[in-house]
C-alpha cells in the first residue's frame, strides 16, 4: 500500500491539499512586494527588514486571532469568500491601535476533510484583505485532521506582524480627563458575538430580505469586518494627535476601552450619539438579552474608538466627514466605562 493510499484510508487526502494550494497560489503571490524573499512553498517565509533602517527605534508588534463561530454562519449559507477578509482586518486592527503598520500575515485553515475549492476561496479572501492593507500573505498552513474537527466545520486563525517606530507607539499613557472619545462606525458584528447572535436568530429565515435590515439576515451577519487603517491614517495625516485607540472586539465597548485608560480614569459613552445598526436591534428583539449584556457582547455599531483632546474634534471631523461621531468623554474614575 502506498503512503497516499494509507493516508486516504486514515481520512487524509494529500492530493486535495495540493489542489487547494494550486488554486490559491496566484492570489497569495499577488500580495508580495520586493520585501518578500520566500513565501508560498518555502519551509519558512522570508521578509527583508531593511526598510526598518529608516526608523530610530523599530518595534515589532504581533497579534493572533480568529473569526470565532462566524464560520458557522458561512457554513449555513455556503458562502466562504468573506471570512478570510474578516480574519485579516481583525488582526490588522489589533496592531493598528498601537500605531503599527502591518508587514506580513500568516493564516491557518483546518477542517476534518479538505474541500480544495472551499479552502482556496477562504485564502483568496485573506489575500484580498492583505492587498488592501498593504501586507504580504507570507505563509500559512492548511490542515486536514479527521477526528479533531467536526465534519463540515472550519477553523480559521491568523497572525499579523507589523512595525512602529517607538516614538510613534500608541499606548494611551497621555489620555487625561476631559478628552473626547470618537467612534468609528462598524459594518455589523465584525467577528464577535456570533454564538449569541446565531441562537437569537436561528428560527428566522436567513436567506430572504428582511424588512428591518434592507438585506437578508445572512448578508447582515456576513458583513465584512471593517479595516480601520485608512480612517486612522486620515486622522494622522490631518494632524490629529491620537492619544489612544481601542478596537471594539469581544467584550464590547465596556471591556475594551478600559484596556487603554491610565489608572484613575474612566469614560462615559452616550448611546444616542451614533446611528443604531438594525442587526443589533433585531438580535435583541428576538431574545431576552438586556441592553447591558448587548454592550458586553457586541460592538453595537462602533468598531474603533479614538481618544483625542477636545480642541481637535473639529479637525478630526473635517478629516473623516460623516465617518466619525463624538460618542463620549474621559472622566476621573476607576477605569470604569459607563454607557448612558
Protein backbone atom coordinates (compact mmCIF):
# COMPACT_ATOMS: atom_id res chain seq x y z
CA UNK A 1 0.00 0.00 0.00
CA UNK A 2 1.38 3.42 -0.96
CA UNK A 3 1.70 6.25 1.55
CA UNK A 4 -1.06 8.14 -0.28
CA UNK A 5 -3.40 5.14 -0.06
CA UNK A 6 -2.65 4.68 3.64
CA UNK A 7 -3.32 8.36 4.32
CA UNK A 8 -6.54 8.21 2.32
CA UNK A 9 -7.76 5.26 4.39
CA UNK A 10 -6.97 7.30 7.52
CA UNK A 11 -9.10 10.14 6.17
CA UNK A 12 -6.39 12.50 4.86
CA UNK A 13 -6.36 13.49 1.17
CA UNK A 14 -2.87 14.69 0.20
CA UNK A 15 -3.96 15.43 -3.36
CA UNK A 16 -6.72 17.71 -2.11
CA UNK A 17 -4.17 19.71 -0.16
CA UNK A 18 -2.02 20.16 -3.24
CA UNK A 19 -5.04 21.15 -5.31
CA UNK A 20 -6.04 23.78 -2.73
CA UNK A 21 -2.51 25.22 -2.83
CA UNK A 22 -2.59 25.36 -6.61
CA UNK A 23 -5.94 27.19 -6.58
CA UNK A 24 -4.80 29.82 -4.09
CA UNK A 25 -1.20 30.47 -5.16
CA UNK A 26 -1.92 33.27 -7.64
CA UNK A 27 -3.92 35.23 -5.06
CA UNK A 28 -1.23 34.70 -2.42
CA UNK A 29 1.63 35.80 -4.67
CA UNK A 30 -0.31 38.93 -5.63
CA UNK A 31 0.28 40.17 -2.06
CA UNK A 32 4.07 40.03 -2.40
CA UNK A 33 6.24 43.10 -2.66
CA UNK A 34 10.01 43.22 -3.12
CA UNK A 35 10.44 42.63 0.65
CA UNK A 36 9.24 39.03 0.31
CA UNK A 37 12.27 36.84 -0.33
CA UNK A 38 10.49 33.50 0.13
CA UNK A 39 6.83 32.75 0.59
CA UNK A 40 4.46 30.07 -0.71
CA UNK A 41 6.17 26.68 -0.78
CA UNK A 42 9.08 27.63 1.45
CA UNK A 43 9.55 25.99 4.84
CA UNK A 44 9.63 29.47 6.35
CA UNK A 45 8.63 32.84 4.91
CA UNK A 46 11.43 35.36 4.45
CA UNK A 47 10.80 39.10 4.75
CA UNK A 48 13.53 41.71 4.19
CA UNK A 49 13.58 44.04 7.21
CA UNK A 50 15.88 46.57 5.52
CA UNK A 51 13.12 49.19 5.48
CA UNK A 52 13.38 49.40 9.27
CA UNK A 53 16.68 51.25 8.90
CA UNK A 54 14.77 54.50 8.44
CA UNK A 55 13.31 54.15 11.94
CA UNK A 56 15.15 55.39 15.02
CA UNK A 57 13.88 52.52 17.17
CA UNK A 58 11.69 50.00 15.31
CA UNK A 59 9.31 47.92 17.44
CA UNK A 60 7.68 44.76 16.09
CA UNK A 61 4.01 44.32 17.00
CA UNK A 62 2.25 40.96 16.59
CA UNK A 63 -1.25 39.61 17.14
CA UNK A 64 -3.05 36.30 16.65
CA UNK A 65 -6.80 35.88 16.44
CA UNK A 66 -9.63 34.03 14.71
CA UNK A 67 -13.14 34.70 13.46
CA UNK A 68 -14.92 32.59 16.08
CA UNK A 69 -18.22 30.99 15.14
CA UNK A 70 -18.71 33.31 12.19
CA UNK A 71 -17.51 30.25 10.29
CA UNK A 72 -20.79 28.57 11.27
CA UNK A 73 -22.69 31.39 9.58
CA UNK A 74 -20.57 30.91 6.47
CA UNK A 75 -21.26 27.17 6.58
CA UNK A 76 -25.02 27.65 6.97
CA UNK A 77 -25.07 29.99 3.95
CA UNK A 78 -22.44 28.14 1.94
CA UNK A 79 -20.52 31.38 1.47
CA UNK A 80 -16.79 31.37 2.19
CA UNK A 81 -15.43 34.41 0.34
CA UNK A 82 -15.66 36.89 3.25
CA UNK A 83 -14.34 35.19 6.40
CA UNK A 84 -10.75 35.44 5.18
CA UNK A 85 -11.14 39.20 4.89
CA UNK A 86 -12.65 39.28 8.39
CA UNK A 87 -9.61 37.48 9.75
CA UNK A 88 -7.04 39.85 8.29
CA UNK A 89 -8.92 43.03 9.16
CA UNK A 90 -9.48 41.91 12.75
CA UNK A 91 -5.79 41.17 13.29
CA UNK A 92 -4.60 44.31 11.49
CA UNK A 93 -6.94 46.49 13.59
CA UNK A 94 -5.49 44.93 16.73
CA UNK A 95 -1.97 46.16 15.94
CA UNK A 96 -3.21 49.41 14.41
CA UNK A 97 -4.33 50.58 17.87
CA UNK A 98 -0.66 50.60 18.91
CA UNK A 99 0.33 52.61 15.86
CA UNK A 100 1.80 49.72 13.86
CA UNK A 101 1.62 49.23 10.12
CA UNK A 102 1.22 45.60 9.02
CA UNK A 103 4.16 43.88 7.34
CA UNK A 104 3.07 40.29 6.79
CA UNK A 105 0.33 37.83 7.66
CA UNK A 106 0.20 34.07 8.32
CA UNK A 107 -3.01 32.04 8.14
CA UNK A 108 -4.16 28.67 9.46
CA UNK A 109 -7.16 26.90 7.92
CA UNK A 110 -8.17 23.50 9.26
CA UNK A 111 -11.01 21.05 8.75
CA UNK A 112 -11.82 17.37 9.09
CA UNK A 113 -11.73 16.86 5.31
CA UNK A 114 -10.26 19.24 2.76
CA UNK A 115 -12.50 20.76 0.11
CA UNK A 116 -9.97 22.44 -2.22
CA UNK A 117 -12.39 24.99 -3.65
CA UNK A 118 -13.64 25.96 -0.18
CA UNK A 119 -10.14 26.35 1.27
CA UNK A 120 -8.92 28.28 -1.76
CA UNK A 121 -11.90 30.65 -1.54
CA UNK A 122 -11.15 31.36 2.13
CA UNK A 123 -7.46 32.02 1.47
CA UNK A 124 -8.26 34.17 -1.54
CA UNK A 125 -10.30 36.32 0.85
CA UNK A 126 -7.28 36.52 3.14
CA UNK A 127 -5.17 37.63 0.16
CA UNK A 128 -7.69 40.30 -0.89
CA UNK A 129 -7.60 41.91 2.56
CA UNK A 130 -3.80 41.66 2.70
CA UNK A 131 -3.55 43.55 -0.58
CA UNK A 132 -5.97 46.21 0.64
CA UNK A 133 -3.98 46.77 3.83
CA UNK A 134 -0.58 46.57 2.19
CA UNK A 135 0.80 43.47 3.88
CA UNK A 136 2.15 40.25 2.43
CA UNK A 137 0.49 36.88 2.93
CA UNK A 138 3.85 35.36 3.77
CA UNK A 139 2.82 31.83 4.68
CA UNK A 140 0.31 29.62 6.38
CA UNK A 141 -0.97 26.14 7.00
CA UNK A 142 -3.81 24.12 5.55
CA UNK A 143 -4.55 21.22 7.89
CA UNK A 144 -6.77 18.19 7.41
CA UNK A 145 -7.41 16.50 10.75
CA UNK A 146 -10.25 13.95 10.82
CA UNK A 147 -11.27 13.13 14.36
CA UNK A 148 -10.17 16.54 15.65
CA UNK A 149 -12.60 18.76 13.76
CA UNK A 150 -16.29 18.05 13.27
CA UNK A 151 -17.23 17.19 9.70
CA UNK A 152 -18.24 20.29 7.76
CA UNK A 153 -16.64 22.73 10.22
CA UNK A 154 -13.73 25.07 9.54
CA UNK A 155 -11.20 26.55 11.95
CA UNK A 156 -9.66 29.82 10.80
CA UNK A 157 -6.84 31.64 12.61
CA UNK A 158 -4.30 34.23 11.60
CA UNK A 159 -1.21 36.06 12.82
CA UNK A 160 -0.08 39.51 11.74
CA UNK A 161 3.30 41.11 12.31
CA UNK A 162 3.73 44.87 11.99
CA UNK A 163 6.19 47.58 12.92
CA UNK A 164 6.11 51.01 14.54
CA UNK A 165 8.85 53.46 15.44
CA UNK A 166 8.99 53.57 19.22
CA UNK A 167 8.43 57.32 19.32
CA UNK A 168 5.11 56.80 17.49
CA UNK A 169 3.87 53.96 19.70
CA UNK A 170 0.29 54.45 20.94
CA UNK A 171 -0.31 53.18 24.47
CA UNK A 172 -2.92 55.51 25.95
CA UNK A 173 -0.48 56.93 28.51
CA UNK A 174 -1.23 60.57 27.55
CA UNK A 175 -5.02 60.23 27.91
CA UNK A 176 -6.47 62.59 30.52
CA UNK A 177 -9.83 63.60 31.97
CA UNK A 178 -11.72 65.89 29.61
CA UNK A 179 -10.51 64.15 26.45
CA UNK A 180 -13.13 63.33 23.84
CA UNK A 181 -13.99 59.84 22.59
CA UNK A 182 -14.62 59.47 18.87
CA UNK A 183 -16.43 56.46 17.46
CA UNK A 184 -15.75 54.99 14.02
CA UNK A 185 -18.74 53.01 12.72
CA UNK A 186 -18.69 49.25 12.28
CA UNK A 187 -20.24 47.27 9.43
CA UNK A 188 -22.05 44.92 11.81
CA UNK A 189 -20.97 42.25 14.28
CA UNK A 190 -17.47 42.11 12.76
CA UNK A 191 -16.07 38.87 14.30
CA UNK A 192 -17.58 38.76 17.79
CA UNK A 193 -20.86 37.72 19.40
CA UNK A 194 -21.85 35.14 16.81
CA UNK A 195 -22.75 32.35 19.21
CA UNK A 196 -25.27 34.67 20.85
CA UNK A 197 -26.50 36.07 17.54
CA UNK A 198 -26.97 32.64 15.96
CA UNK A 199 -29.02 31.47 18.92
CA UNK A 200 -31.22 34.58 18.85
CA UNK A 201 -31.84 34.47 15.10
CA UNK A 202 -31.80 30.72 14.49
CA UNK A 203 -35.54 30.32 13.84
CA UNK A 204 -35.71 33.13 11.26
CA UNK A 205 -35.13 32.90 7.51
CA UNK A 206 -31.55 33.94 6.81
CA UNK A 207 -31.82 33.97 3.04
CA UNK A 208 -34.81 36.19 2.27
CA UNK A 209 -34.58 40.01 2.52
CA UNK A 210 -35.60 41.18 5.98
CA UNK A 211 -37.66 44.40 6.10
CA UNK A 212 -35.81 45.77 9.13
CA UNK A 213 -32.36 45.23 7.61
CA UNK A 214 -32.61 46.16 3.95
CA UNK A 215 -30.89 42.86 3.19
CA UNK A 216 -31.09 39.25 4.35
CA UNK A 217 -30.05 38.21 7.86
CA UNK A 218 -27.29 36.13 6.30
CA UNK A 219 -25.88 39.15 4.45
CA UNK A 220 -26.01 41.27 7.61
CA UNK A 221 -24.22 38.59 9.64
CA UNK A 222 -21.52 38.08 7.00
CA UNK A 223 -20.80 41.80 6.52
CA UNK A 224 -17.00 42.05 6.36
CA UNK A 225 -15.16 43.18 9.48
CA UNK A 226 -14.11 46.71 8.65
CA UNK A 227 -10.46 47.70 8.41
CA UNK A 228 -9.69 51.00 10.13
CA UNK A 229 -6.28 51.50 8.53
CA UNK A 230 -7.43 54.20 6.12
CA UNK A 231 -9.53 56.32 8.53
CA UNK A 232 -6.77 56.21 11.17
CA UNK A 233 -4.21 57.24 8.57
CA UNK A 234 -6.60 60.01 7.53
CA UNK A 235 -6.73 61.34 11.08
CA UNK A 236 -2.95 61.25 11.41
CA UNK A 237 -2.45 62.92 8.02
CA UNK A 238 -4.76 65.73 9.12
CA UNK A 239 -2.58 66.35 12.16
CA UNK A 240 -4.86 64.81 14.77
CA UNK A 241 -2.93 63.74 17.86
CA UNK A 242 -4.31 60.31 18.70
CA UNK A 243 -3.91 59.74 22.42
CA UNK A 244 -5.35 56.23 22.28
CA UNK A 245 -7.20 53.77 20.07
CA UNK A 246 -9.39 50.85 21.16
CA UNK A 247 -10.52 48.09 18.80
CA UNK A 248 -14.01 47.03 19.92
CA UNK A 249 -14.00 43.23 19.80
CA UNK A 250 -15.14 40.57 22.28
CA UNK A 251 -16.36 42.25 25.46
CA UNK A 252 -17.70 45.25 23.57
CA UNK A 253 -17.07 48.88 24.45
CA UNK A 254 -17.24 48.34 28.20
CA UNK A 255 -14.40 45.81 28.28
CA UNK A 256 -12.13 47.10 25.51
CA UNK A 257 -11.92 50.83 26.16
CA UNK A 258 -10.51 50.38 29.72
CA UNK A 259 -7.56 48.47 28.23
CA UNK A 260 -6.03 51.77 27.09
CA UNK A 261 -7.02 54.03 30.01
CA UNK A 262 -4.41 55.09 32.57
CA UNK A 263 -5.14 54.32 36.21
CA UNK A 264 -7.65 56.67 37.78
CA UNK A 265 -9.58 57.37 34.60
CA UNK A 266 -12.93 56.13 33.34
CA UNK A 267 -15.26 57.01 30.47
CA UNK A 268 -18.84 57.94 29.75
CA UNK A 269 -20.34 56.69 26.48
CA UNK A 270 -23.57 58.34 25.30
CA UNK A 271 -25.79 55.85 23.45
CA UNK A 272 -27.74 58.24 21.20
CA UNK A 273 -24.70 59.84 19.59
CA UNK A 274 -24.24 57.37 16.71
CA UNK A 275 -26.66 55.57 14.37
CA UNK A 276 -28.05 52.23 15.52
CA UNK A 277 -27.43 49.27 13.23
CA UNK A 278 -30.66 47.32 12.66
CA UNK A 279 -28.96 43.93 13.07
CA UNK A 280 -28.33 44.63 16.77
CA UNK A 281 -31.91 45.75 17.31
CA UNK A 282 -33.13 42.55 15.62
CA UNK A 283 -30.90 40.35 17.78
CA UNK A 284 -32.15 42.00 20.95
CA UNK A 285 -35.81 41.87 19.87
CA UNK A 286 -35.51 38.11 19.20
CA UNK A 287 -34.04 37.32 22.62
CA UNK A 288 -34.16 38.28 26.25
CA UNK A 289 -30.73 39.95 26.16
CA UNK A 290 -30.53 43.11 28.26
CA UNK A 291 -29.05 46.29 26.84
CA UNK A 292 -26.20 45.97 29.33
CA UNK A 293 -25.39 42.49 28.04
CA UNK A 294 -25.65 43.68 24.43
CA UNK A 295 -22.91 46.23 25.13
CA UNK A 296 -20.78 43.48 26.66
CA UNK A 297 -21.23 41.08 23.74
CA UNK A 298 -21.28 43.30 20.65
CA UNK A 299 -19.62 46.42 19.26
CA UNK A 300 -23.11 47.99 18.92
CA UNK A 301 -22.17 49.86 15.76
CA UNK A 302 -18.76 51.21 16.80
CA UNK A 303 -15.75 49.17 15.70
CA UNK A 304 -13.00 51.54 16.79
CA UNK A 305 -12.78 54.28 19.43
CA UNK A 306 -10.25 57.10 19.28
CA UNK A 307 -9.36 59.38 22.20
CA UNK A 308 -8.28 62.92 21.36
CA UNK A 309 -8.10 66.28 23.10
CA UNK A 310 -11.29 68.34 22.99
CA UNK A 311 -9.68 71.10 20.91
CA UNK A 312 -9.06 68.69 18.00
CA UNK A 313 -12.64 67.50 17.47
CA UNK A 314 -13.33 69.85 14.54
CA UNK A 315 -10.07 68.79 12.88
CA UNK A 316 -10.99 65.10 13.20
CA UNK A 317 -14.50 65.67 11.88
CA UNK A 318 -13.13 67.58 8.89
CA UNK A 319 -10.74 64.72 8.14
CA UNK A 320 -13.38 61.97 8.21
CA UNK A 321 -16.59 63.88 7.46
CA UNK A 322 -19.60 61.70 8.33
CA UNK A 323 -17.50 58.66 9.26
CA UNK A 324 -16.82 59.73 12.84
CA UNK A 325 -19.02 60.53 15.83
CA UNK A 326 -18.37 62.20 19.17
CA UNK A 327 -19.64 59.45 21.49
CA UNK A 328 -18.33 60.31 24.95
CA UNK A 329 -15.61 61.68 27.14
CA UNK A 330 -12.89 60.62 29.56
CA UNK A 331 -13.62 61.25 33.23
CA UNK A 332 -11.84 60.82 36.53
CA UNK A 333 -12.74 57.45 37.97
CA UNK A 334 -11.69 53.85 38.45
CA UNK A 335 -11.23 52.71 34.82
CA UNK A 336 -14.97 52.07 34.56
CA UNK A 337 -16.86 52.66 31.32
CA UNK A 338 -20.45 53.77 31.82
CA UNK A 339 -22.94 53.71 28.94
CA UNK A 340 -25.77 56.21 29.47
